[in-house]
Protein backbone atom coordinates (compact mmCIF):
# COMPACT_ATOMS: atom_id res chain seq x y z
CA MET A 1 120.07 -103.83 170.17
CA ALA A 2 120.18 -102.05 166.81
CA ILE A 3 119.12 -103.49 163.47
CA ARG A 4 120.72 -102.18 160.27
CA THR A 5 118.57 -101.42 157.23
CA ASP A 6 119.02 -100.00 153.75
CA ASN A 7 115.66 -98.15 153.89
CA LEU A 8 114.76 -96.50 157.18
CA GLU A 9 111.31 -95.31 156.07
CA ALA A 10 110.26 -98.76 154.83
CA SER A 11 111.54 -100.33 158.05
CA GLN A 12 109.56 -97.88 160.17
CA ALA A 13 106.41 -98.66 158.18
CA ALA A 14 107.00 -102.39 158.64
CA VAL A 15 107.54 -102.00 162.39
CA GLU A 16 104.30 -100.03 162.73
CA ALA A 17 102.35 -102.49 160.55
CA ALA A 18 103.55 -105.33 162.80
CA GLY A 19 102.28 -103.59 165.94
CA GLY A 20 105.48 -101.91 167.10
CA ALA A 21 105.30 -98.48 168.74
CA ILE A 22 107.79 -95.80 167.72
CA THR A 23 109.37 -94.43 170.91
CA VAL A 24 111.96 -92.11 169.30
CA GLU A 25 111.19 -90.61 165.88
CA PRO A 26 113.88 -90.88 163.17
CA PHE A 27 116.88 -88.62 163.80
CA ASP A 28 120.35 -88.01 162.40
CA PHE A 29 123.40 -89.17 164.34
CA PRO A 30 127.08 -89.40 163.36
CA GLY A 31 127.16 -92.12 160.73
CA GLY A 32 123.49 -92.20 159.70
CA ARG A 33 119.87 -92.02 160.82
CA ARG A 34 117.87 -94.15 163.23
CA PHE A 35 114.67 -94.58 165.19
CA HIS A 36 113.72 -96.55 168.29
CA PHE A 37 110.66 -98.71 168.83
CA ARG A 38 109.05 -101.05 171.32
CA GLU A 39 107.91 -104.38 169.91
CA PRO A 40 104.61 -105.91 171.10
CA GLY A 41 106.44 -108.04 173.69
CA GLY A 42 107.88 -104.91 175.30
CA CYS A 43 111.52 -104.99 174.12
CA GLU A 44 113.03 -101.66 173.04
CA LEU A 45 115.08 -101.81 169.81
CA ALA A 46 116.58 -99.42 167.29
CA VAL A 47 116.80 -99.48 163.50
CA TRP A 48 119.56 -97.56 161.75
CA GLN A 49 120.61 -96.70 158.22
CA ALA A 50 124.21 -95.81 157.43
CA ALA A 51 124.95 -92.39 155.98
CA GLY A 52 125.78 -92.11 152.35
């Protein structure tokens, strides 16, 4: 599952503050940037920001 955001850096900070662990650091991909994280319950998710 991927969650869209308007501010990738703020979302990463919020994930970390809530106890999430970054599993893939932010990277560019066609259409934007994203990172992956594991939430405290163990589910792996992604957060992405559209390019532009």
